[in-house]
Amino acid sequence: MRSLIGRTSGWGALAIASIDARTVQEACIPGTLSRAYELGQHVGTLGSWREIAESSGGRVMGTGRVRAVRRSRPNAGDRRGNVILEHDSAVIRVEFESEFLTVASDGEMIATCPDIVTLLDVRTGAFVSCESVHQGQDVAVLVLPGPQWWAEDVSRLKVVGPRAFGIDHDAVLMEAQ
């Protein structure tokens, strides 16, 4: 399903079977759409990536020029890869599949899913997608706290943490804001 939704820009979500109200109460994460909408409204009025980071409750993990983007098989539908950038004297590596998943600085894991990892263009403040990131681009790596719901139960982390994506590391999460 994840692959379908990624390839259809979300339209694949319409094919998901309906669920009853009890399941929704147990499994939904309240406030996520409102939070996304509010963030989108703020981004449109803010001038810089620094203001976006501050207003969103996120933390900047580093800024720098993208030195390499490695995609495992970009033409075969495999969206795995990583972005390497230099931040001061450190090397930051951001792993992705169809979304950014983990951030490591000089080999030390400093952020992971289910927290929200994103890249922002430092010149325009625009979000940079996994598909559009390219060598030579100046970016800020921003991490937003993911919904606390994911971290409340270890069984949930099994389906959204780094190991769910084949990355051999436990989740490294921000404190809830």
Protein backbone atom coordinates (compact mmCIF):
# COMPACT_ATOMS: atom_id res chain seq x y z
CA MET A 1 0.00 0.00 0.00
CA ARG A 2 2.87 2.40 0.86
CA SER A 3 4.34 1.91 -2.60
CA LEU A 4 0.96 2.48 -4.29
CA ILE A 5 0.26 5.67 -2.36
CA GLY A 6 3.73 7.03 -3.11
CA ARG A 7 3.37 6.36 -6.83
CA THR A 8 -0.12 7.83 -7.08
CA SER A 9 0.56 10.98 -5.06
CA GLY A 10 -1.86 9.89 -2.38
CA TRP A 11 -4.77 8.94 -4.62
CA GLY A 12 -4.13 5.29 -3.71
CA ALA A 13 -5.49 6.09 -0.24
CA LEU A 14 -8.97 6.05 -1.77
CA ALA A 15 -8.58 2.30 -2.34
CA ILE A 16 -8.09 1.53 1.35
CA ALA A 17 -10.99 -0.37 2.88
CA SER A 18 -13.25 1.50 5.27
CA ILE A 19 -13.01 0.82 9.02
CA ASP A 20 -15.46 1.03 11.88
CA ALA A 21 -15.59 3.88 14.41
CA ARG A 22 -14.11 1.80 17.26
CA THR A 23 -11.01 1.05 15.18
CA VAL A 24 -10.69 4.73 14.30
CA GLN A 25 -10.79 5.67 18.00
CA GLU A 26 -8.07 3.13 18.81
CA ALA A 27 -5.83 3.76 15.84
CA CYS A 28 -6.23 7.36 14.67
CA ILE A 29 -3.81 10.09 15.59
CA PRO A 30 -5.90 13.18 16.42
CA GLY A 31 -4.73 16.55 15.21
CA THR A 32 -2.35 15.48 12.45
CA LEU A 33 -4.29 17.11 9.61
CA SER A 34 -4.84 20.28 11.64
CA ARG A 35 -1.14 20.41 12.47
CA ALA A 36 -0.18 19.98 8.81
CA TYR A 37 -2.65 22.68 7.76
CA GLU A 38 -1.39 25.13 10.39
CA LEU A 39 2.22 24.50 9.43
CA GLY A 40 1.35 25.10 5.78
CA GLN A 41 -0.32 28.38 6.68
CA HIS A 42 2.73 29.53 8.67
CA VAL A 43 5.19 28.51 5.96
CA GLY A 44 3.40 30.71 3.46
CA THR A 45 3.85 33.78 5.67
CA LEU A 46 7.37 33.17 6.94
CA GLY A 47 10.43 34.51 5.22
CA SER A 48 13.22 32.09 6.01
CA TRP A 49 13.91 28.47 6.88
CA ARG A 50 15.03 29.62 10.35
CA GLU A 51 11.59 31.11 11.02
CA ILE A 52 9.95 27.91 9.75
CA ALA A 53 12.05 25.83 12.14
CA GLU A 54 11.30 28.08 15.11
CA SER A 55 7.56 28.34 14.47
CA SER A 56 7.09 24.61 13.88
CA GLY A 57 8.65 23.36 17.11
CA GLY A 58 11.34 21.66 15.08
CA ARG A 59 15.05 21.40 15.58
CA VAL A 60 17.67 22.14 12.93
CA MET A 61 20.09 19.22 12.82
CA GLY A 62 22.46 21.00 10.46
CA THR A 63 22.80 23.03 7.29
CA GLY A 64 25.12 22.65 4.38
CA ARG A 65 25.70 21.93 0.74
CA VAL A 66 24.56 18.59 -0.63
CA ARG A 67 27.73 16.76 -1.72
CA ALA A 68 26.09 13.58 -2.97
CA VAL A 69 22.69 12.03 -3.54
CA ARG A 70 22.70 8.27 -3.96
CA ARG A 71 19.61 6.49 -5.21
CA SER A 72 19.68 2.71 -5.27
CA ARG A 73 17.68 2.20 -8.47
CA PRO A 74 15.85 5.40 -9.42
CA ASN A 75 14.45 4.10 -12.70
CA ALA A 76 13.23 0.78 -11.30
CA GLY A 77 10.75 2.26 -8.84
CA ASP A 78 13.07 1.75 -5.86
CA ARG A 79 13.07 5.02 -3.93
CA ARG A 80 15.79 4.15 -1.40
CA GLY A 81 18.82 6.33 -1.09
CA ASN A 82 20.70 8.87 0.96
CA VAL A 83 21.81 12.47 0.94
CA ILE A 84 25.28 13.45 2.14
CA LEU A 85 25.99 17.03 3.16
CA GLU A 86 28.71 18.87 4.99
CA HIS A 87 27.78 20.85 8.10
CA ASP A 88 30.73 22.79 9.52
CA SER A 89 33.29 20.00 9.90
CA ALA A 90 30.69 17.21 10.27
CA VAL A 91 29.22 14.95 7.60
CA ILE A 92 25.45 14.55 7.77
CA ARG A 93 23.79 11.57 6.13
CA VAL A 94 20.02 11.50 5.61
CA GLU A 95 18.50 8.16 4.60
CA PHE A 96 15.28 8.09 2.60
CA GLU A 97 12.84 5.77 0.94
CA SER A 98 9.86 7.77 -0.31
CA GLU A 99 10.33 10.10 2.65
CA PHE A 100 13.30 11.14 4.77
CA LEU A 101 13.80 8.56 7.52
CA THR A 102 16.98 9.08 9.56
CA VAL A 103 19.69 11.66 10.20
CA ALA A 104 23.23 10.74 11.25
CA SER A 105 26.06 13.16 12.01
CA ASP A 106 29.55 11.71 11.63
CA GLY A 107 28.01 8.23 11.88
CA GLU A 108 26.01 8.92 15.06
CA MET A 109 22.24 8.60 14.66
CA ILE A 110 20.68 11.87 15.84
CA ALA A 111 17.08 11.63 14.55
CA THR A 112 14.79 8.98 13.11
CA CYS A 113 11.26 8.31 12.01
CA PRO A 114 8.53 8.48 13.21
CA ASP A 115 9.72 12.01 13.92
CA ILE A 116 9.36 14.05 10.76
CA VAL A 117 12.63 14.62 8.93
CA THR A 118 12.59 17.20 6.17
CA LEU A 119 14.98 19.28 4.12
CA LEU A 120 14.46 22.98 3.45
CA ASP A 121 16.17 25.03 0.76
CA VAL A 122 18.16 27.66 2.70
CA ARG A 123 17.69 30.30 -0.01
CA THR A 124 13.92 30.02 -0.48
CA GLY A 125 12.68 28.15 2.61
CA ALA A 126 10.89 25.69 0.30
CA PHE A 127 10.56 22.06 1.30
CA VAL A 128 12.85 19.74 -0.66
CA SER A 129 11.49 16.31 -1.54
CA CYS A 130 13.43 13.06 -1.81
CA GLU A 131 12.86 13.16 -5.56
CA SER A 132 14.06 16.74 -6.04
CA VAL A 133 17.12 16.95 -3.77
CA HIS A 134 20.30 17.31 -5.84
CA GLN A 135 24.03 17.79 -5.54
CA GLY A 136 25.12 21.39 -4.92
CA GLN A 137 21.87 22.41 -3.23
CA ASP A 138 22.16 24.30 0.08
CA VAL A 139 19.75 22.76 2.59
CA ALA A 140 18.79 22.77 6.25
CA VAL A 141 17.90 19.45 7.86
CA LEU A 142 14.88 20.00 10.08
CA VAL A 143 13.29 17.47 12.44
CA LEU A 144 9.76 17.96 13.77
CA PRO A 145 8.44 15.89 16.66
CA GLY A 146 6.21 13.13 15.35
CA PRO A 147 2.90 12.32 17.01
CA GLN A 148 3.51 11.00 20.53
CA TRP A 149 1.00 8.23 19.74
CA TRP A 150 3.70 6.33 17.82
CA ALA A 151 6.12 6.29 20.75
CA GLU A 152 3.54 5.33 23.38
CA ASP A 153 3.61 1.66 22.37
CA VAL A 154 6.68 -0.34 21.29
CA SER A 155 4.54 -2.37 18.87
CA ARG A 156 3.71 0.84 16.98
CA LEU A 157 7.39 1.75 16.61
CA LYS A 158 7.93 -1.62 14.95
CA VAL A 159 5.90 -0.47 11.95
CA VAL A 160 7.20 3.10 11.65
CA GLY A 161 10.65 3.09 13.25
CA PRO A 162 13.93 2.72 11.33
CA ARG A 163 13.88 -1.10 11.50
CA ALA A 164 10.59 -1.15 9.58
CA PHE A 165 12.58 0.30 6.67
CA GLY A 166 15.50 -2.10 6.97
CA ILE A 167 17.72 0.32 8.93
CA ASP A 168 19.44 -1.50 11.79
CA HIS A 169 18.92 1.11 14.52
CA ASP A 170 16.44 1.86 17.27
CA ALA A 171 14.32 5.00 17.04
CA VAL A 172 15.93 8.25 18.24
CA LEU A 173 13.05 10.59 18.97
CA MET A 174 12.66 14.23 19.96
CA GLU A 175 10.84 15.05 23.14
CA ALA A 176 7.18 15.86 22.53
CA GLN A 177 6.67 19.59 22.22
